[in-house]
Amino acid sequence: MEISIDSLPSGLPAADRARYFDLVRVARKHLDPLIDTRNSLAHGEWSTALTRKADGINHARTRELESISLYRVTILANLLEHYWKCFFDALVTYQAFERDFPTHHRRMMHAARRLESSNEQLWLSNLRKRFVDGRSGSRGLSDPPEAPALLMRRITGSNRT
């Protein structure tokens, strides 16, 4: 089936049309605000964002700046990775699209759902627990593992076992 620009997305089969609209929704809901936030930070608007003409405060973007957290940055990075892979799969070859696009699309939508409905505090708690349990990526490969009791004493400053 040949699809012209004018027939997009009506020329697509129903399943592919739904995926197309998923890409559009994810871009508008998650990537547009990410780009605006990036632009604010790049222009030195660390705590208060200005309007496009720099003649006032952009309250909506300022709220976005205040909502930045490790959780959001991590999940947005994951979402962006799968988003560009979806486009790559669609643009490179039909075989890549057939083989990889459904997986990247599913993972992109999962990341979008996590941004919308996951528990950030639970995620942070699990991250802290992994660090305390010794599964931190900050140790070198040649460092010997520490016993959990020694690590807990160091973290809490307690001499009790």
N, C-alpha and C. Protein backbone atom coordinates (compact mmCIF):
# COMPACT_ATOMS: atom_id res chain seq x y z
N MET A 1 0.85 -1.17 0.00
CA MET A 1 0.00 0.00 0.00
C MET A 1 0.90 1.24 0.00
N GLU A 2 0.65 2.15 -0.90
CA GLU A 2 1.42 3.39 -0.95
C GLU A 2 0.64 4.48 -0.22
N ILE A 3 1.33 5.22 0.62
CA ILE A 3 0.69 6.26 1.43
C ILE A 3 1.30 7.60 1.07
N SER A 4 0.47 8.55 0.72
CA SER A 4 0.97 9.89 0.44
C SER A 4 0.86 10.73 1.71
N ILE A 5 1.58 11.85 1.72
CA ILE A 5 1.54 12.75 2.88
C ILE A 5 0.11 13.21 3.15
N ASP A 6 -0.64 13.49 2.09
CA ASP A 6 -2.02 13.98 2.25
C ASP A 6 -2.94 12.96 2.90
N SER A 7 -2.63 11.67 2.73
CA SER A 7 -3.52 10.64 3.27
C SER A 7 -3.15 10.21 4.68
N LEU A 8 -2.06 10.75 5.23
CA LEU A 8 -1.70 10.41 6.61
C LEU A 8 -2.63 11.12 7.56
N PRO A 9 -3.12 10.52 8.59
CA PRO A 9 -3.02 9.10 8.92
C PRO A 9 -4.18 8.28 8.38
N SER A 10 -5.10 8.88 7.59
CA SER A 10 -6.26 8.11 7.12
C SER A 10 -5.86 6.96 6.20
N GLY A 11 -4.69 7.04 5.57
CA GLY A 11 -4.25 5.96 4.69
C GLY A 11 -3.63 4.79 5.43
N LEU A 12 -3.42 4.95 6.72
CA LEU A 12 -2.82 3.87 7.51
C LEU A 12 -3.87 2.86 7.95
N PRO A 13 -3.49 1.60 8.11
CA PRO A 13 -4.40 0.64 8.73
C PRO A 13 -4.72 1.09 10.16
N ALA A 14 -5.82 0.63 10.70
CA ALA A 14 -6.32 1.11 12.00
C ALA A 14 -5.29 0.98 13.12
N ALA A 15 -4.59 -0.16 13.21
CA ALA A 15 -3.61 -0.36 14.29
C ALA A 15 -2.44 0.62 14.16
N ASP A 16 -1.96 0.82 12.94
CA ASP A 16 -0.85 1.76 12.73
C ASP A 16 -1.30 3.20 12.94
N ARG A 17 -2.55 3.51 12.58
CA ARG A 17 -3.10 4.85 12.81
C ARG A 17 -3.15 5.14 14.31
N ALA A 18 -3.54 4.15 15.12
CA ALA A 18 -3.57 4.32 16.57
C ALA A 18 -2.17 4.58 17.11
N ARG A 19 -1.19 3.87 16.58
CA ARG A 19 0.20 4.10 17.01
C ARG A 19 0.69 5.48 16.60
N TYR A 20 0.29 5.90 15.41
CA TYR A 20 0.64 7.25 14.94
C TYR A 20 0.11 8.30 15.92
N PHE A 21 -1.16 8.17 16.29
CA PHE A 21 -1.74 9.15 17.22
C PHE A 21 -1.12 9.03 18.62
N ASP A 22 -0.68 7.84 19.01
CA ASP A 22 0.05 7.70 20.28
C ASP A 22 1.33 8.53 20.25
N LEU A 23 2.06 8.48 19.12
CA LEU A 23 3.29 9.27 18.98
C LEU A 23 2.99 10.76 19.09
N VAL A 24 1.92 11.20 18.46
CA VAL A 24 1.55 12.61 18.50
C VAL A 24 1.18 13.02 19.93
N ARG A 25 0.37 12.19 20.61
CA ARG A 25 -0.05 12.51 21.98
C ARG A 25 1.14 12.56 22.94
N VAL A 26 2.05 11.59 22.84
CA VAL A 26 3.22 11.57 23.71
C VAL A 26 4.09 12.80 23.46
N ALA A 27 4.25 13.18 22.20
CA ALA A 27 5.05 14.37 21.89
C ALA A 27 4.42 15.62 22.50
N ARG A 28 3.13 15.77 22.35
CA ARG A 28 2.46 16.97 22.87
C ARG A 28 2.41 17.00 24.39
N LYS A 29 2.14 15.85 24.99
CA LYS A 29 1.95 15.83 26.44
C LYS A 29 3.26 15.81 27.22
N HIS A 30 4.27 15.12 26.72
CA HIS A 30 5.50 14.94 27.49
C HIS A 30 6.73 15.60 26.88
N LEU A 31 6.87 15.55 25.56
CA LEU A 31 8.09 16.07 24.95
C LEU A 31 8.06 17.58 24.75
N ASP A 32 6.92 18.16 24.41
CA ASP A 32 6.84 19.61 24.29
C ASP A 32 7.21 20.30 25.60
N PRO A 33 6.63 19.87 26.75
CA PRO A 33 7.05 20.50 28.01
C PRO A 33 8.53 20.26 28.34
N LEU A 34 9.05 19.10 27.96
CA LEU A 34 10.47 18.81 28.18
C LEU A 34 11.34 19.78 27.38
N ILE A 35 10.97 20.03 26.16
CA ILE A 35 11.73 20.96 25.31
C ILE A 35 11.65 22.38 25.88
N ASP A 36 10.46 22.79 26.33
CA ASP A 36 10.31 24.11 26.95
C ASP A 36 11.16 24.23 28.21
N THR A 37 11.18 23.17 29.01
CA THR A 37 11.99 23.18 30.23
C THR A 37 13.46 23.26 29.89
N ARG A 38 13.88 22.51 28.91
CA ARG A 38 15.28 22.55 28.47
C ARG A 38 15.65 23.95 28.01
N ASN A 39 14.78 24.58 27.24
CA ASN A 39 15.05 25.93 26.76
C ASN A 39 15.13 26.93 27.92
N SER A 40 14.25 26.79 28.90
CA SER A 40 14.30 27.68 30.07
C SER A 40 15.63 27.53 30.79
N LEU A 41 16.05 26.30 31.02
CA LEU A 41 17.32 26.07 31.71
C LEU A 41 18.50 26.58 30.90
N ALA A 42 18.44 26.39 29.59
CA ALA A 42 19.53 26.83 28.72
C ALA A 42 19.66 28.36 28.71
N HIS A 43 18.56 29.05 28.98
CA HIS A 43 18.58 30.51 29.00
C HIS A 43 18.73 31.07 30.41
N GLY A 44 19.12 30.22 31.36
CA GLY A 44 19.40 30.68 32.71
C GLY A 44 18.18 30.88 33.59
N GLU A 45 17.04 30.37 33.16
CA GLU A 45 15.81 30.52 33.95
C GLU A 45 15.71 29.35 34.91
N TRP A 46 16.55 29.35 35.94
CA TRP A 46 16.64 28.21 36.85
C TRP A 46 15.46 28.11 37.80
N SER A 47 14.94 29.22 38.26
CA SER A 47 13.85 29.15 39.24
C SER A 47 12.59 29.84 38.75
N THR A 48 12.73 30.82 37.86
CA THR A 48 11.57 31.54 37.34
C THR A 48 11.70 31.66 35.84
N ALA A 49 10.71 31.14 35.13
CA ALA A 49 10.72 31.19 33.66
C ALA A 49 10.07 32.49 33.20
N LEU A 50 10.62 33.04 32.15
CA LEU A 50 10.08 34.27 31.57
C LEU A 50 9.21 33.96 30.37
N THR A 51 8.38 34.93 29.99
CA THR A 51 7.59 34.79 28.77
C THR A 51 8.52 34.82 27.56
N ARG A 52 8.00 34.49 26.41
CA ARG A 52 8.83 34.46 25.20
C ARG A 52 9.46 35.82 24.89
N LYS A 53 8.74 36.89 25.19
CA LYS A 53 9.28 38.24 24.96
C LYS A 53 10.11 38.74 26.14
N ALA A 54 10.23 37.94 27.18
CA ALA A 54 10.98 38.29 28.39
C ALA A 54 10.45 39.55 29.05
N ASP A 55 9.13 39.75 28.97
CA ASP A 55 8.53 40.93 29.58
C ASP A 55 7.64 40.58 30.78
N GLY A 56 7.73 39.33 31.23
CA GLY A 56 6.94 38.90 32.38
C GLY A 56 7.30 37.47 32.77
N ILE A 57 6.60 36.96 33.76
CA ILE A 57 6.86 35.61 34.27
C ILE A 57 5.88 34.64 33.61
N ASN A 58 6.42 33.53 33.13
CA ASN A 58 5.61 32.45 32.57
C ASN A 58 5.34 31.48 33.72
N HIS A 59 4.15 31.60 34.32
CA HIS A 59 3.83 30.82 35.51
C HIS A 59 3.71 29.33 35.22
N ALA A 60 3.18 28.97 34.06
CA ALA A 60 3.04 27.54 33.72
C ALA A 60 4.41 26.88 33.60
N ARG A 61 5.33 27.54 32.91
CA ARG A 61 6.66 26.97 32.75
C ARG A 61 7.42 26.98 34.08
N THR A 62 7.19 27.99 34.91
CA THR A 62 7.82 28.03 36.24
C THR A 62 7.37 26.83 37.06
N ARG A 63 6.08 26.47 36.98
CA ARG A 63 5.59 25.26 37.68
C ARG A 63 6.27 24.01 37.14
N GLU A 64 6.49 23.96 35.82
CA GLU A 64 7.21 22.83 35.23
C GLU A 64 8.63 22.75 35.78
N LEU A 65 9.29 23.89 35.89
CA LEU A 65 10.66 23.91 36.43
C LEU A 65 10.67 23.41 37.87
N GLU A 66 9.66 23.79 38.64
CA GLU A 66 9.58 23.37 40.04
C GLU A 66 9.28 21.88 40.18
N SER A 67 8.70 21.28 39.14
CA SER A 67 8.33 19.86 39.23
C SER A 67 9.45 18.93 38.77
N ILE A 68 10.58 19.47 38.35
CA ILE A 68 11.68 18.63 37.90
C ILE A 68 12.20 17.82 39.08
N SER A 69 12.35 16.54 38.86
CA SER A 69 12.89 15.65 39.89
C SER A 69 13.71 14.56 39.22
N LEU A 70 14.48 13.86 40.01
CA LEU A 70 15.27 12.74 39.47
C LEU A 70 14.36 11.72 38.80
N TYR A 71 13.23 11.44 39.42
CA TYR A 71 12.27 10.50 38.87
C TYR A 71 11.81 10.94 37.47
N ARG A 72 11.35 12.20 37.35
CA ARG A 72 10.85 12.69 36.06
C ARG A 72 11.94 12.68 34.99
N VAL A 73 13.14 13.09 35.36
CA VAL A 73 14.24 13.11 34.40
C VAL A 73 14.56 11.69 33.93
N THR A 74 14.59 10.75 34.85
CA THR A 74 14.90 9.36 34.51
C THR A 74 13.84 8.77 33.58
N ILE A 75 12.57 8.96 33.92
CA ILE A 75 11.49 8.38 33.11
C ILE A 75 11.39 9.10 31.77
N LEU A 76 11.57 10.43 31.76
CA LEU A 76 11.54 11.16 30.49
C LEU A 76 12.68 10.73 29.58
N ALA A 77 13.85 10.47 30.13
CA ALA A 77 14.97 9.99 29.32
C ALA A 77 14.63 8.64 28.70
N ASN A 78 13.99 7.78 29.48
CA ASN A 78 13.56 6.48 28.98
C ASN A 78 12.51 6.64 27.89
N LEU A 79 11.54 7.52 28.12
CA LEU A 79 10.49 7.77 27.13
C LEU A 79 11.10 8.31 25.83
N LEU A 80 12.01 9.24 25.95
CA LEU A 80 12.64 9.84 24.77
C LEU A 80 13.43 8.80 23.98
N GLU A 81 14.12 7.91 24.69
CA GLU A 81 14.87 6.85 24.01
C GLU A 81 13.96 5.99 23.15
N HIS A 82 12.82 5.57 23.71
CA HIS A 82 11.91 4.71 22.95
C HIS A 82 11.18 5.49 21.86
N TYR A 83 10.94 6.78 22.10
CA TYR A 83 10.28 7.62 21.11
C TYR A 83 11.13 7.73 19.84
N TRP A 84 12.43 8.05 20.01
CA TRP A 84 13.27 8.18 18.82
C TRP A 84 13.47 6.84 18.14
N LYS A 85 13.48 5.75 18.91
CA LYS A 85 13.61 4.43 18.29
C LYS A 85 12.38 4.09 17.45
N CYS A 86 11.20 4.53 17.90
CA CYS A 86 9.99 4.33 17.09
C CYS A 86 10.13 5.03 15.74
N PHE A 87 10.59 6.28 15.77
CA PHE A 87 10.77 7.02 14.53
C PHE A 87 11.84 6.37 13.66
N PHE A 88 12.93 5.95 14.26
CA PHE A 88 14.00 5.30 13.51
C PHE A 88 13.46 4.05 12.82
N ASP A 89 12.72 3.24 13.57
CA ASP A 89 12.15 2.02 12.99
C ASP A 89 11.23 2.33 11.82
N ALA A 90 10.45 3.39 11.96
CA ALA A 90 9.51 3.74 10.90
C ALA A 90 10.21 4.29 9.66
N LEU A 91 11.36 4.93 9.85
CA LEU A 91 12.03 5.58 8.72
C LEU A 91 13.06 4.73 8.01
N VAL A 92 13.67 3.77 8.69
CA VAL A 92 14.80 3.05 8.11
C VAL A 92 14.36 2.03 7.08
N THR A 93 13.73 0.98 7.51
CA THR A 93 13.28 -0.05 6.57
C THR A 93 11.98 -0.65 7.05
N TYR A 94 11.30 -1.25 6.12
CA TYR A 94 10.06 -1.92 6.48
C TYR A 94 10.33 -3.08 7.45
N GLN A 95 11.45 -3.79 7.23
CA GLN A 95 11.78 -4.92 8.10
C GLN A 95 12.02 -4.46 9.53
N ALA A 96 12.74 -3.35 9.70
CA ALA A 96 12.99 -2.82 11.06
C ALA A 96 11.67 -2.41 11.69
N PHE A 97 10.80 -1.81 10.91
CA PHE A 97 9.49 -1.41 11.44
C PHE A 97 8.71 -2.62 11.91
N GLU A 98 8.63 -3.62 11.06
CA GLU A 98 7.88 -4.84 11.40
C GLU A 98 8.45 -5.53 12.64
N ARG A 99 9.77 -5.57 12.74
CA ARG A 99 10.43 -6.31 13.80
C ARG A 99 10.47 -5.53 15.12
N ASP A 100 10.83 -4.26 15.09
CA ASP A 100 11.16 -3.54 16.32
C ASP A 100 10.14 -2.51 16.78
N PHE A 101 9.37 -1.95 15.86
CA PHE A 101 8.47 -0.87 16.23
C PHE A 101 7.49 -1.25 17.33
N PRO A 102 6.83 -2.40 17.27
CA PRO A 102 5.86 -2.73 18.33
C PRO A 102 6.50 -2.74 19.73
N THR A 103 7.72 -3.24 19.84
CA THR A 103 8.40 -3.28 21.14
C THR A 103 8.72 -1.87 21.62
N HIS A 104 9.28 -1.03 20.75
CA HIS A 104 9.62 0.34 21.15
C HIS A 104 8.37 1.15 21.47
N HIS A 105 7.31 0.93 20.70
CA HIS A 105 6.05 1.62 20.96
C HIS A 105 5.50 1.23 22.33
N ARG A 106 5.50 -0.06 22.62
CA ARG A 106 4.99 -0.54 23.91
C ARG A 106 5.79 0.05 25.06
N ARG A 107 7.11 0.08 24.93
CA ARG A 107 7.96 0.62 26.00
C ARG A 107 7.79 2.13 26.13
N MET A 108 7.59 2.82 25.03
CA MET A 108 7.34 4.26 25.08
C MET A 108 6.03 4.55 25.81
N MET A 109 5.00 3.80 25.50
CA MET A 109 3.70 4.01 26.15
C MET A 109 3.78 3.65 27.63
N HIS A 110 4.56 2.65 27.98
CA HIS A 110 4.75 2.29 29.39
C HIS A 110 5.42 3.43 30.14
N ALA A 111 6.43 4.04 29.54
CA ALA A 111 7.11 5.18 30.17
C ALA A 111 6.14 6.35 30.34
N ALA A 112 5.30 6.59 29.33
CA ALA A 112 4.30 7.67 29.42
C ALA A 112 3.33 7.40 30.56
N ARG A 113 2.87 6.16 30.69
CA ARG A 113 1.96 5.82 31.80
C ARG A 113 2.64 5.99 33.15
N ARG A 114 3.93 5.64 33.22
CA ARG A 114 4.66 5.82 34.48
C ARG A 114 4.73 7.29 34.86
N LEU A 115 4.93 8.16 33.90
CA LEU A 115 4.96 9.60 34.18
C LEU A 115 3.62 10.09 34.69
N GLU A 116 2.55 9.51 34.17
CA GLU A 116 1.21 9.97 34.50
C GLU A 116 0.66 9.38 35.78
N SER A 117 1.08 8.16 36.13
CA SER A 117 0.38 7.51 37.23
C SER A 117 1.24 6.78 38.25
N SER A 118 2.54 6.73 38.07
CA SER A 118 3.36 5.98 39.03
C SER A 118 3.60 6.78 40.30
N ASN A 119 4.00 6.05 41.32
CA ASN A 119 4.25 6.63 42.64
C ASN A 119 5.73 7.01 42.74
N GLU A 120 6.00 8.30 42.64
CA GLU A 120 7.37 8.78 42.68
C GLU A 120 8.04 8.48 44.02
N GLN A 121 7.30 8.60 45.11
CA GLN A 121 7.87 8.34 46.43
C GLN A 121 8.26 6.87 46.58
N LEU A 122 7.46 5.96 46.05
CA LEU A 122 7.80 4.54 46.09
C LEU A 122 9.06 4.29 45.26
N TRP A 123 9.17 4.92 44.09
CA TRP A 123 10.35 4.78 43.24
C TRP A 123 11.59 5.25 43.99
N LEU A 124 11.51 6.41 44.65
CA LEU A 124 12.65 6.93 45.41
C LEU A 124 13.00 6.02 46.58
N SER A 125 12.00 5.50 47.25
CA SER A 125 12.23 4.58 48.36
C SER A 125 12.96 3.33 47.88
N ASN A 126 12.54 2.78 46.75
CA ASN A 126 13.21 1.60 46.19
C ASN A 126 14.62 1.93 45.74
N LEU A 127 14.84 3.12 45.21
CA LEU A 127 16.18 3.54 44.81
C LEU A 127 17.11 3.61 46.03
N ARG A 128 16.60 4.19 47.12
CA ARG A 128 17.39 4.26 48.36
C ARG A 128 17.67 2.87 48.90
N LYS A 129 16.67 2.00 48.85
CA LYS A 129 16.84 0.63 49.35
C LYS A 129 17.91 -0.11 48.55
N ARG A 130 17.90 0.07 47.21
CA ARG A 130 18.92 -0.57 46.39
C ARG A 130 20.31 -0.06 46.76
N PHE A 131 20.43 1.22 47.06
CA PHE A 131 21.72 1.77 47.45
C PHE A 131 22.18 1.18 48.78
N VAL A 132 21.28 1.12 49.76
CA VAL A 132 21.61 0.59 51.08
C VAL A 132 21.95 -0.89 50.99
N ASP A 133 21.25 -1.61 50.13
CA ASP A 133 21.48 -3.05 49.98
C ASP A 133 22.76 -3.36 49.22
N GLY A 134 23.46 -2.32 48.75
CA GLY A 134 24.73 -2.55 48.09
C GLY A 134 24.65 -2.71 46.59
N ARG A 135 23.51 -2.41 46.00
CA ARG A 135 23.39 -2.54 44.55
C ARG A 135 23.58 -1.19 43.87
N SER A 136 24.39 -0.36 44.46
CA SER A 136 24.64 0.96 43.90
C SER A 136 25.62 0.85 42.75
N GLY A 137 25.41 1.66 41.73
CA GLY A 137 26.33 1.69 40.61
C GLY A 137 27.55 2.54 40.89
N SER A 138 27.67 3.09 42.12
CA SER A 138 28.77 4.01 42.39
C SER A 138 30.06 3.28 42.75
N ARG A 139 29.99 2.01 43.09
CA ARG A 139 31.21 1.26 43.40
C ARG A 139 31.88 0.81 42.12
N GLY A 140 33.18 0.69 42.18
CA GLY A 140 33.92 0.19 41.02
C GLY A 140 33.81 -1.32 40.92
N LEU A 141 34.10 -1.84 39.75
CA LEU A 141 34.00 -3.29 39.55
C LEU A 141 35.01 -4.05 40.39
N SER A 142 36.15 -3.43 40.70
CA SER A 142 37.17 -4.14 41.46
C SER A 142 37.01 -3.97 42.98
N ASP A 143 36.06 -3.14 43.42
CA ASP A 143 35.84 -2.95 44.86
C ASP A 143 35.18 -4.19 45.44
N PRO A 144 35.70 -4.68 46.58
CA PRO A 144 35.03 -5.82 47.21
C PRO A 144 33.70 -5.39 47.80
N PRO A 145 32.71 -6.26 47.80
CA PRO A 145 31.42 -5.88 48.37
C PRO A 145 31.54 -5.74 49.89
N GLU A 146 30.76 -4.78 50.44
CA GLU A 146 30.75 -4.59 51.89
C GLU A 146 29.64 -5.45 52.49
N ALA A 147 29.88 -5.90 53.70
CA ALA A 147 28.83 -6.62 54.41
C ALA A 147 27.72 -5.62 54.73
N PRO A 148 26.44 -6.02 54.63
CA PRO A 148 25.34 -5.08 54.88
C PRO A 148 25.41 -4.41 56.25
N ALA A 149 25.84 -5.14 57.28
CA ALA A 149 25.90 -4.55 58.62
C ALA A 149 26.93 -3.42 58.67
N LEU A 150 28.08 -3.60 58.02
CA LEU A 150 29.10 -2.55 57.99
C LEU A 150 28.60 -1.34 57.23
N LEU A 151 27.92 -1.57 56.13
CA LEU A 151 27.38 -0.48 55.34
C LEU A 151 26.33 0.29 56.14
N MET A 152 25.45 -0.41 56.83
CA MET A 152 24.42 0.24 57.63
C MET A 152 25.04 1.07 58.75
N ARG A 153 26.08 0.56 59.39
CA ARG A 153 26.74 1.31 60.45
C ARG A 153 27.33 2.60 59.89
N ARG A 154 27.93 2.50 58.71
CA ARG A 154 28.53 3.68 58.11
C ARG A 154 27.45 4.70 57.75
N ILE A 155 26.33 4.27 57.21
CA ILE A 155 25.26 5.17 56.81
C ILE A 155 24.59 5.80 58.02
N THR A 156 24.27 5.00 59.00
CA THR A 156 23.54 5.52 60.17
C THR A 156 24.43 6.09 61.24
N GLY A 157 25.73 5.79 61.19
CA GLY A 157 26.64 6.26 62.22
C GLY A 157 26.52 5.48 63.52
N SER A 158 25.83 4.36 63.48
CA SER A 158 25.60 3.55 64.66
C SER A 158 26.64 2.43 64.75
N ASN A 159 27.01 2.07 66.00
CA ASN A 159 27.94 0.96 66.21
C ASN A 159 27.21 -0.33 66.55
N ARG A 160 25.87 -0.26 66.61
CA ARG A 160 25.09 -1.47 66.91
C ARG A 160 25.04 -2.37 65.69
N THR A 161 24.92 -3.67 65.91
CA THR A 161 24.79 -4.63 64.80
C THR A 161 23.38 -5.13 64.71
